[in-house]
Amino acid sequence: MILHVTKAKYIKDFMIWIQFNDGAEGFVDLKNQLYGEMFEPLKDLKKFKKFKVDPELETIVWQNGADLAPEFFRSHLVVKAA
C-alpha cells in the first residue's frame, strides 16, 4: 500500500495531527525538522500554520511550496495511548 496523508490539523507550536490512508494517526512535532531553504521560513508560526493536504500529492503542503513525504511524517509520528 502506498502511504498517503488524508487529514491534517494544526495543534500548537510546531505540532500537527495527521491521519494516514491506512488508518494510523497521531502527532508530529516539526520544531527540530525545519531547516534548509524551503523550510527555514516555516519557523515563523504564522507561515507554519498555513498548510493543507494537497489532493494530488497526498501529503501536507505549505503556501511557500514546501512539502514532506508521507513516509517522513509517518517515521516521526507519535501515537498517544487512549
PDB file of N, CA and C in Angstrom:
ATOM      1  N   MET A   1       0.840  -1.179   0.000  1.00  0.00           N
ATOM      2  CA  MET A   1       0.000   0.000   0.000  1.00  0.00           C
ATOM      3  C   MET A   1       0.886   1.243   0.000  1.00  0.00           C
ATOM      4  N   ILE A   2       0.551   2.166  -0.874  1.00  0.00           N
ATOM      5  CA  ILE A   2       1.268   3.437  -0.914  1.00  0.00           C
ATOM      6  C   ILE A   2       0.679   4.348   0.153  1.00  0.00           C
ATOM      7  N   LEU A   3       1.542   4.941   0.944  1.00  0.00           N
ATOM      8  CA  LEU A   3       1.128   5.766   2.077  1.00  0.00           C
ATOM      9  C   LEU A   3       0.719   7.165   1.627  1.00  0.00           C
ATOM     10  N   HIS A   4      -0.427   7.641   2.151  1.00  0.00           N
ATOM     11  CA  HIS A   4      -0.929   8.984   1.856  1.00  0.00           C
ATOM     12  C   HIS A   4      -1.393   9.652   3.138  1.00  0.00           C
ATOM     13  N   VAL A   5      -1.239  10.962   3.203  1.00  0.00           N
ATOM     14  CA  VAL A   5      -1.830  11.751   4.282  1.00  0.00           C
ATOM     15  C   VAL A   5      -3.257  12.073   3.845  1.00  0.00           C
ATOM     16  N   THR A   6      -4.241  11.735   4.698  1.00  0.00           N
ATOM     17  CA  THR A   6      -5.639  12.003   4.352  1.00  0.00           C
ATOM     18  C   THR A   6      -6.203  13.214   5.080  1.00  0.00           C
ATOM     19  N   LYS A   7      -5.718  13.480   6.293  1.00  0.00           N
ATOM     20  CA  LYS A   7      -6.183  14.631   7.069  1.00  0.00           C
ATOM     21  C   LYS A   7      -5.022  15.183   7.878  1.00  0.00           C
ATOM     22  N   ALA A   8      -5.067  16.486   8.126  1.00  0.00           N
ATOM     23  CA  ALA A   8      -4.049  17.124   8.962  1.00  0.00           C
ATOM     24  C   ALA A   8      -4.668  18.346   9.623  1.00  0.00           C
ATOM     25  N   LYS A   9      -4.275  18.584  10.868  1.00  0.00           N
ATOM     26  CA  LYS A   9      -4.814  19.712  11.625  1.00  0.00           C
ATOM     27  C   LYS A   9      -3.714  20.291  12.502  1.00  0.00           C
ATOM     28  N   TYR A  10      -3.613  21.612  12.483  1.00  0.00           N
ATOM     29  CA  TYR A  10      -2.646  22.296  13.339  1.00  0.00           C
ATOM     30  C   TYR A  10      -3.072  22.127  14.794  1.00  0.00           C
ATOM     31  N   ILE A  11      -2.120  21.798  15.673  1.00  0.00           N
ATOM     32  CA  ILE A  11      -2.412  21.622  17.094  1.00  0.00           C
ATOM     33  C   ILE A  11      -1.870  22.803  17.900  1.00  0.00           C
ATOM     34  N   LYS A  12      -0.561  22.945  17.968  1.00  0.00           N
ATOM     35  CA  LYS A  12       0.075  24.068  18.664  1.00  0.00           C
ATOM     36  C   LYS A  12       1.558  24.056  18.331  1.00  0.00           C
ATOM     37  N   ASP A  13       2.202  25.171  18.583  1.00  0.00           N
ATOM     38  CA  ASP A  13       3.638  25.303  18.301  1.00  0.00           C
ATOM     39  C   ASP A  13       3.925  24.754  16.903  1.00  0.00           C
ATOM     40  N   PHE A  14       4.759  23.734  16.806  1.00  0.00           N
ATOM     41  CA  PHE A  14       5.077  23.142  15.506  1.00  0.00           C
ATOM     42  C   PHE A  14       4.530  21.718  15.410  1.00  0.00           C
ATOM     43  N   MET A  15       3.413  21.497  16.080  1.00  0.00           N
ATOM     44  CA  MET A  15       2.793  20.171  16.106  1.00  0.00           C
ATOM     45  C   MET A  15       1.584  20.113  15.179  1.00  0.00           C
ATOM     46  N   ILE A  16       1.508  19.015  14.442  1.00  0.00           N
ATOM     47  CA  ILE A  16       0.400  18.758  13.525  1.00  0.00           C
ATOM     48  C   ILE A  16      -0.152  17.368  13.829  1.00  0.00           C
ATOM     49  N   TRP A  17      -1.481  17.256  13.879  1.00  0.00           N
ATOM     50  CA  TRP A  17      -2.137  15.949  13.972  1.00  0.00           C
ATOM     51  C   TRP A  17      -2.326  15.467  12.543  1.00  0.00           C
ATOM     52  N   ILE A  18      -1.976  14.213  12.278  1.00  0.00           N
ATOM     53  CA  ILE A  18      -2.034  13.664  10.924  1.00  0.00           C
ATOM     54  C   ILE A  18      -2.743  12.318  10.941  1.00  0.00           C
ATOM     55  N   GLN A  19      -3.560  12.087   9.906  1.00  0.00           N
ATOM     56  CA  GLN A  19      -4.186  10.780   9.694  1.00  0.00           C
ATOM     57  C   GLN A  19      -3.740  10.273   8.324  1.00  0.00           C
ATOM     58  N   PHE A  20      -3.456   8.969   8.262  1.00  0.00           N
ATOM     59  CA  PHE A  20      -2.994   8.344   7.027  1.00  0.00           C
ATOM     60  C   PHE A  20      -4.076   7.450   6.431  1.00  0.00           C
ATOM     61  N   ASN A  21      -3.902   7.093   5.167  1.00  0.00           N
ATOM     62  CA  ASN A  21      -4.889   6.274   4.473  1.00  0.00           C
ATOM     63  C   ASN A  21      -4.994   4.854   5.018  1.00  0.00           C
ATOM     64  N   ASP A  22      -4.045   4.417   5.822  1.00  0.00           N
ATOM     65  CA  ASP A  22      -4.141   3.078   6.417  1.00  0.00           C
ATOM     66  C   ASP A  22      -4.789   3.125   7.802  1.00  0.00           C
ATOM     67  N   GLY A  23      -5.276   4.312   8.203  1.00  0.00           N
ATOM     68  CA  GLY A  23      -5.961   4.465   9.483  1.00  0.00           C
ATOM     69  C   GLY A  23      -5.079   4.935  10.624  1.00  0.00           C
ATOM     70  N   ALA A  24      -3.777   4.887  10.454  1.00  0.00           N
ATOM     71  CA  ALA A  24      -2.875   5.358  11.517  1.00  0.00           C
ATOM     72  C   ALA A  24      -3.032   6.865  11.683  1.00  0.00           C
ATOM     73  N   GLU A  25      -2.919   7.332  12.918  1.00  0.00           N
ATOM     74  CA  GLU A  25      -2.993   8.761  13.186  1.00  0.00           C
ATOM     75  C   GLU A  25      -2.198   9.090  14.427  1.00  0.00           C
ATOM     76  N   GLY A  26      -1.791  10.333  14.524  1.00  0.00           N
ATOM     77  CA  GLY A  26      -1.030  10.781  15.677  1.00  0.00           C
ATOM     78  C   GLY A  26      -0.481  12.169  15.429  1.00  0.00           C
ATOM     79  N   PHE A  27       0.495  12.543  16.238  1.00  0.00           N
ATOM     80  CA  PHE A  27       1.065  13.880  16.198  1.00  0.00           C
ATOM     81  C   PHE A  27       2.498  13.834  15.682  1.00  0.00           C
ATOM     82  N   VAL A  28       2.864  14.892  14.972  1.00  0.00           N
ATOM     83  CA  VAL A  28       4.236  15.076  14.515  1.00  0.00           C
ATOM     84  C   VAL A  28       4.684  16.454  14.996  1.00  0.00           C
ATOM     85  N   ASP A  29       5.843  16.500  15.649  1.00  0.00           N
ATOM     86  CA  ASP A  29       6.412  17.773  16.092  1.00  0.00           C
ATOM     87  C   ASP A  29       7.568  18.111  15.155  1.00  0.00           C
ATOM     88  N   LEU A  30       7.408  19.155  14.377  1.00  0.00           N
ATOM     89  CA  LEU A  30       8.409  19.520  13.376  1.00  0.00           C
ATOM     90  C   LEU A  30       9.373  20.600  13.844  1.00  0.00           C
ATOM     91  N   LYS A  31       9.341  20.931  15.116  1.00  0.00           N
ATOM     92  CA  LYS A  31      10.172  22.016  15.651  1.00  0.00           C
ATOM     93  C   LYS A  31      11.642  21.888  15.253  1.00  0.00           C
ATOM     94  N   ASN A  32      12.200  20.703  15.336  1.00  0.00           N
ATOM     95  CA  ASN A  32      13.621  20.499  15.041  1.00  0.00           C
ATOM     96  C   ASN A  32      13.861  19.950  13.637  1.00  0.00           C
ATOM     97  N   GLN A  33      12.855  20.041  12.772  1.00  0.00           N
ATOM     98  CA  GLN A  33      12.971  19.497  11.419  1.00  0.00           C
ATOM     99  C   GLN A  33      12.954  20.574  10.335  1.00  0.00           C
ATOM    100  N   LEU A  34      12.799  21.829  10.733  1.00  0.00           N
ATOM    101  CA  LEU A  34      12.624  22.909   9.759  1.00  0.00           C
ATOM    102  C   LEU A  34      13.952  23.583   9.432  1.00  0.00           C
ATOM    103  N   TYR A  35      14.701  22.977   8.547  1.00  0.00           N
ATOM    104  CA  TYR A  35      15.966  23.561   8.111  1.00  0.00           C
ATOM    105  C   TYR A  35      16.085  23.394   6.599  1.00  0.00           C
ATOM    106  N   GLY A  36      16.888  24.215   5.995  1.00  0.00           N
ATOM    107  CA  GLY A  36      17.022  24.214   4.545  1.00  0.00           C
ATOM    108  C   GLY A  36      16.226  25.360   3.944  1.00  0.00           C
ATOM    109  N   GLU A  37      16.525  25.673   2.714  1.00  0.00           N
ATOM    110  CA  GLU A  37      15.956  26.835   2.028  1.00  0.00           C
ATOM    111  C   GLU A  37      14.427  26.880   2.036  1.00  0.00           C
ATOM    112  N   MET A  38      13.774  25.750   1.823  1.00  0.00           N
ATOM    113  CA  MET A  38      12.306  25.723   1.766  1.00  0.00           C
ATOM    114  C   MET A  38      11.656  25.760   3.143  1.00  0.00           C
ATOM    115  N   PHE A  39      12.349  25.241   4.153  1.00  0.00           N
ATOM    116  CA  PHE A  39      11.710  25.068   5.458  1.00  0.00           C
ATOM    117  C   PHE A  39      12.054  26.146   6.482  1.00  0.00           C
ATOM    118  N   GLU A  40      13.153  26.868   6.298  1.00  0.00           N
ATOM    119  CA  GLU A  40      13.520  27.950   7.230  1.00  0.00           C
ATOM    120  C   GLU A  40      12.388  28.966   7.411  1.00  0.00           C
ATOM    121  N   PRO A  41      11.705  29.391   6.328  1.00  0.00           N
ATOM    122  CA  PRO A  41      10.619  30.361   6.509  1.00  0.00           C
ATOM    123  C   PRO A  41       9.489  29.840   7.401  1.00  0.00           C
ATOM    124  N   LEU A  42       9.358  28.528   7.498  1.00  0.00           N
ATOM    125  CA  LEU A  42       8.277  27.937   8.291  1.00  0.00           C
ATOM    126  C   LEU A  42       8.550  27.993   9.790  1.00  0.00           C
ATOM    127  N   LYS A  43       9.723  28.491  10.181  1.00  0.00           N
ATOM    128  CA  LYS A  43       9.989  28.695  11.607  1.00  0.00           C
ATOM    129  C   LYS A  43       9.145  29.848  12.152  1.00  0.00           C
ATOM    130  N   ASP A  44       8.565  30.624  11.252  1.00  0.00           N
ATOM    131  CA  ASP A  44       7.589  31.656  11.612  1.00  0.00           C
ATOM    132  C   ASP A  44       6.242  30.941  11.743  1.00  0.00           C
ATOM    133  N   LEU A  45       5.685  30.902  12.953  1.00  0.00           N
ATOM    134  CA  LEU A  45       4.445  30.162  13.190  1.00  0.00           C
ATOM    135  C   LEU A  45       3.301  30.611  12.293  1.00  0.00           C
ATOM    136  N   LYS A  46       3.254  31.886  11.956  1.00  0.00           N
ATOM    137  CA  LYS A  46       2.189  32.366  11.067  1.00  0.00           C
ATOM    138  C   LYS A  46       2.258  31.657   9.721  1.00  0.00           C
ATOM    139  N   LYS A  47       3.461  31.427   9.235  1.00  0.00           N
ATOM    140  CA  LYS A  47       3.641  30.724   7.962  1.00  0.00           C
ATOM    141  C   LYS A  47       3.477  29.222   8.145  1.00  0.00           C
ATOM    142  N   PHE A  48       3.959  28.696   9.271  1.00  0.00           N
ATOM    143  CA  PHE A  48       3.872  27.257   9.528  1.00  0.00           C
ATOM    144  C   PHE A  48       2.422  26.782   9.536  1.00  0.00           C
ATOM    145  N   LYS A  49       1.543  27.578  10.122  1.00  0.00           N
ATOM    146  CA  LYS A  49       0.129  27.201  10.265  1.00  0.00           C
ATOM    147  C   LYS A  49      -0.612  27.132   8.932  1.00  0.00           C
ATOM    148  N   LYS A  50      -0.046  27.710   7.891  1.00  0.00           N
ATOM    149  CA  LYS A  50      -0.734  27.793   6.598  1.00  0.00           C
ATOM    150  C   LYS A  50      -0.367  26.608   5.709  1.00  0.00           C
ATOM    151  N   PHE A  51      -0.950  25.459   6.026  1.00  0.00           N
ATOM    152  CA  PHE A  51      -0.716  24.250   5.234  1.00  0.00           C
ATOM    153  C   PHE A  51      -2.052  23.617   4.875  1.00  0.00           C
ATOM    154  N   LYS A  52      -1.992  22.690   3.945  1.00  0.00           N
ATOM    155  CA  LYS A  52      -3.173  21.913   3.568  1.00  0.00           C
ATOM    156  C   LYS A  52      -2.706  20.543   3.099  1.00  0.00           C
ATOM    157  N   VAL A  53      -3.642  19.611   3.026  1.00  0.00           N
ATOM    158  CA  VAL A  53      -3.348  18.320   2.421  1.00  0.00           C
ATOM    159  C   VAL A  53      -3.648  18.475   0.934  1.00  0.00           C
ATOM    160  N   ASP A  54      -2.618  18.358   0.127  1.00  0.00           N
ATOM    161  CA  ASP A  54      -2.777  18.501  -1.316  1.00  0.00           C
ATOM    162  C   ASP A  54      -3.396  17.225  -1.881  1.00  0.00           C
ATOM    163  N   PRO A  55      -4.516  17.312  -2.611  1.00  0.00           N
ATOM    164  CA  PRO A  55      -5.190  16.117  -3.116  1.00  0.00           C
ATOM    165  C   PRO A  55      -4.398  15.368  -4.188  1.00  0.00           C
ATOM    166  N   GLU A  56      -3.509  16.050  -4.888  1.00  0.00           N
ATOM    167  CA  GLU A  56      -2.701  15.376  -5.902  1.00  0.00           C
ATOM    168  C   GLU A  56      -1.450  14.745  -5.300  1.00  0.00           C
ATOM    169  N   LEU A  57      -0.760  15.493  -4.454  1.00  0.00           N
ATOM    170  CA  LEU A  57       0.464  14.973  -3.834  1.00  0.00           C
ATOM    171  C   LEU A  57       0.163  14.041  -2.670  1.00  0.00           C
ATOM    172  N   GLU A  58      -1.039  14.185  -2.086  1.00  0.00           N
ATOM    173  CA  GLU A  58      -1.494  13.366  -0.961  1.00  0.00           C
ATOM    174  C   GLU A  58      -0.556  13.451   0.237  1.00  0.00           C
ATOM    175  N   THR A  59      -0.105  14.670   0.491  1.00  0.00           N
ATOM    176  CA  THR A  59       0.708  14.969   1.658  1.00  0.00           C
ATOM    177  C   THR A  59       0.474  16.430   2.039  1.00  0.00           C
ATOM    178  N   ILE A  60       1.093  16.860   3.119  1.00  0.00           N
ATOM    179  CA  ILE A  60       0.957  18.239   3.570  1.00  0.00           C
ATOM    180  C   ILE A  60       1.842  19.148   2.721  1.00  0.00           C
ATOM    181  N   VAL A  61       1.250  20.277   2.310  1.00  0.00           N
ATOM    182  CA  VAL A  61       1.967  21.274   1.514  1.00  0.00           C
ATOM    183  C   VAL A  61       1.723  22.641   2.150  1.00  0.00           C
ATOM    184  N   TRP A  62       2.789  23.411   2.291  1.00  0.00           N
ATOM    185  CA  TRP A  62       2.685  24.769   2.827  1.00  0.00           C
ATOM    186  C   TRP A  62       2.528  25.762   1.688  1.00  0.00           C
ATOM    187  N   GLN A  63       2.098  26.977   2.013  1.00  0.00           N
ATOM    188  CA  GLN A  63       1.855  28.008   0.997  1.00  0.00           C
ATOM    189  C   GLN A  63       3.098  28.374   0.206  1.00  0.00           C
ATOM    190  N   ASN A  64       4.281  28.216   0.803  1.00  0.00           N
ATOM    191  CA  ASN A  64       5.509  28.554   0.073  1.00  0.00           C
ATOM    192  C   ASN A  64       5.962  27.421  -0.854  1.00  0.00           C
ATOM    193  N   GLY A  65       5.180  26.337  -0.935  1.00  0.00           N
ATOM    194  CA  GLY A  65       5.509  25.221  -1.816  1.00  0.00           C
ATOM    195  C   GLY A  65       6.260  24.091  -1.142  1.00  0.00           C
ATOM    196  N   ALA A  66       6.644  24.273   0.108  1.00  0.00           N
ATOM    197  CA  ALA A  66       7.359  23.217   0.835  1.00  0.00           C
ATOM    198  C   ALA A  66       6.419  22.045   1.110  1.00  0.00           C
ATOM    199  N   ASP A  67       6.958  20.848   1.033  1.00  0.00           N
ATOM    200  CA  ASP A  67       6.199  19.656   1.403  1.00  0.00           C
ATOM    201  C   ASP A  67       7.161  18.589   1.901  1.00  0.00           C
ATOM    202  N   LEU A  68       6.603  17.629   2.596  1.00  0.00           N
ATOM    203  CA  LEU A  68       7.378  16.486   3.088  1.00  0.00           C
ATOM    204  C   LEU A  68       6.642  15.213   2.699  1.00  0.00           C
ATOM    205  N   ALA A  69       7.384  14.167   2.433  1.00  0.00           N
ATOM    206  CA  ALA A  69       6.783  12.900   2.038  1.00  0.00           C
ATOM    207  C   ALA A  69       5.971  12.300   3.183  1.00  0.00           C
ATOM    208  N   PRO A  70       4.879  11.602   2.859  1.00  0.00           N
ATOM    209  CA  PRO A  70       4.100  10.933   3.898  1.00  0.00           C
ATOM    210  C   PRO A  70       4.964  10.003   4.759  1.00  0.00           C
ATOM    211  N   GLU A  71       5.955   9.375   4.143  1.00  0.00           N
ATOM    212  CA  GLU A  71       6.835   8.465   4.878  1.00  0.00           C
ATOM    213  C   GLU A  71       7.638   9.205   5.948  1.00  0.00           C
ATOM    214  N   PHE A  72       8.018  10.443   5.659  1.00  0.00           N
ATOM    215  CA  PHE A  72       8.722  11.252   6.659  1.00  0.00           C
ATOM    216  C   PHE A  72       7.812  11.491   7.854  1.00  0.00           C
ATOM    217  N   PHE A  73       6.584  11.932   7.579  1.00  0.00           N
ATOM    218  CA  PHE A  73       5.642  12.170   8.674  1.00  0.00           C
ATOM    219  C   PHE A  73       5.414  10.893   9.474  1.00  0.00           C
ATOM    220  N   ARG A  74       5.264   9.775   8.786  1.00  0.00           N
ATOM    221  CA  ARG A  74       4.990   8.505   9.473  1.00  0.00           C
ATOM    222  C   ARG A  74       6.158   8.112  10.370  1.00  0.00           C
ATOM    223  N   SER A  75       7.378   8.352   9.913  1.00  0.00           N
ATOM    224  CA  SER A  75       8.548   7.968  10.710  1.00  0.00           C
ATOM    225  C   SER A  75       8.705   8.834  11.959  1.00  0.00           C
ATOM    226  N   HIS A  76       8.049  10.000  11.990  1.00  0.00           N
ATOM    227  CA  HIS A  76       8.109  10.900  13.147  1.00  0.00           C
ATOM    228  C   HIS A  76       6.802  10.927  13.937  1.00  0.00           C
ATOM    229  N   LEU A  77       5.889  10.037  13.605  1.00  0.00           N
ATOM    230  CA  LEU A  77       4.564  10.015  14.223  1.00  0.00           C
ATOM    231  C   LEU A  77       4.631   9.556  15.674  1.00  0.00           C
ATOM    232  N   VAL A  78       3.946  10.298  16.539  1.00  0.00           N
ATOM    233  CA  VAL A  78       3.804   9.924  17.948  1.00  0.00           C
ATOM    234  C   VAL A  78       2.336   9.598  18.164  1.00  0.00           C
ATOM    235  N   VAL A  79       2.070   8.368  18.566  1.00  0.00           N
ATOM    236  CA  VAL A  79       0.698   7.936  18.812  1.00  0.00           C
ATOM    237  C   VAL A  79       0.472   7.938  20.306  1.00  0.00           C
ATOM    238  N   LYS A  80      -0.539   8.670  20.746  1.00  0.00           N
ATOM    239  CA  LYS A  80      -0.850   8.718  22.179  1.00  0.00           C
ATOM    240  C   LYS A  80      -1.792   7.578  22.533  1.00  0.00           C
ATOM    241  N   ALA A  81      -1.510   6.925  23.642  1.00  0.00           N
ATOM    242  CA  ALA A  81      -2.369   5.832  24.103  1.00  0.00           C
ATOM    243  C   ALA A  81      -3.708   6.388  24.567  1.00  0.00           C
ATOM    244  N   ALA A  82      -4.750   5.612  24.320  1.00  0.00           N
ATOM    245  CA  ALA A  82      -6.106   6.046  24.714  1.00  0.00           C
ATOM    246  C   ALA A  82      -6.300   5.917  26.208  1.00  0.00           C
TER     247      ALA A  82
END
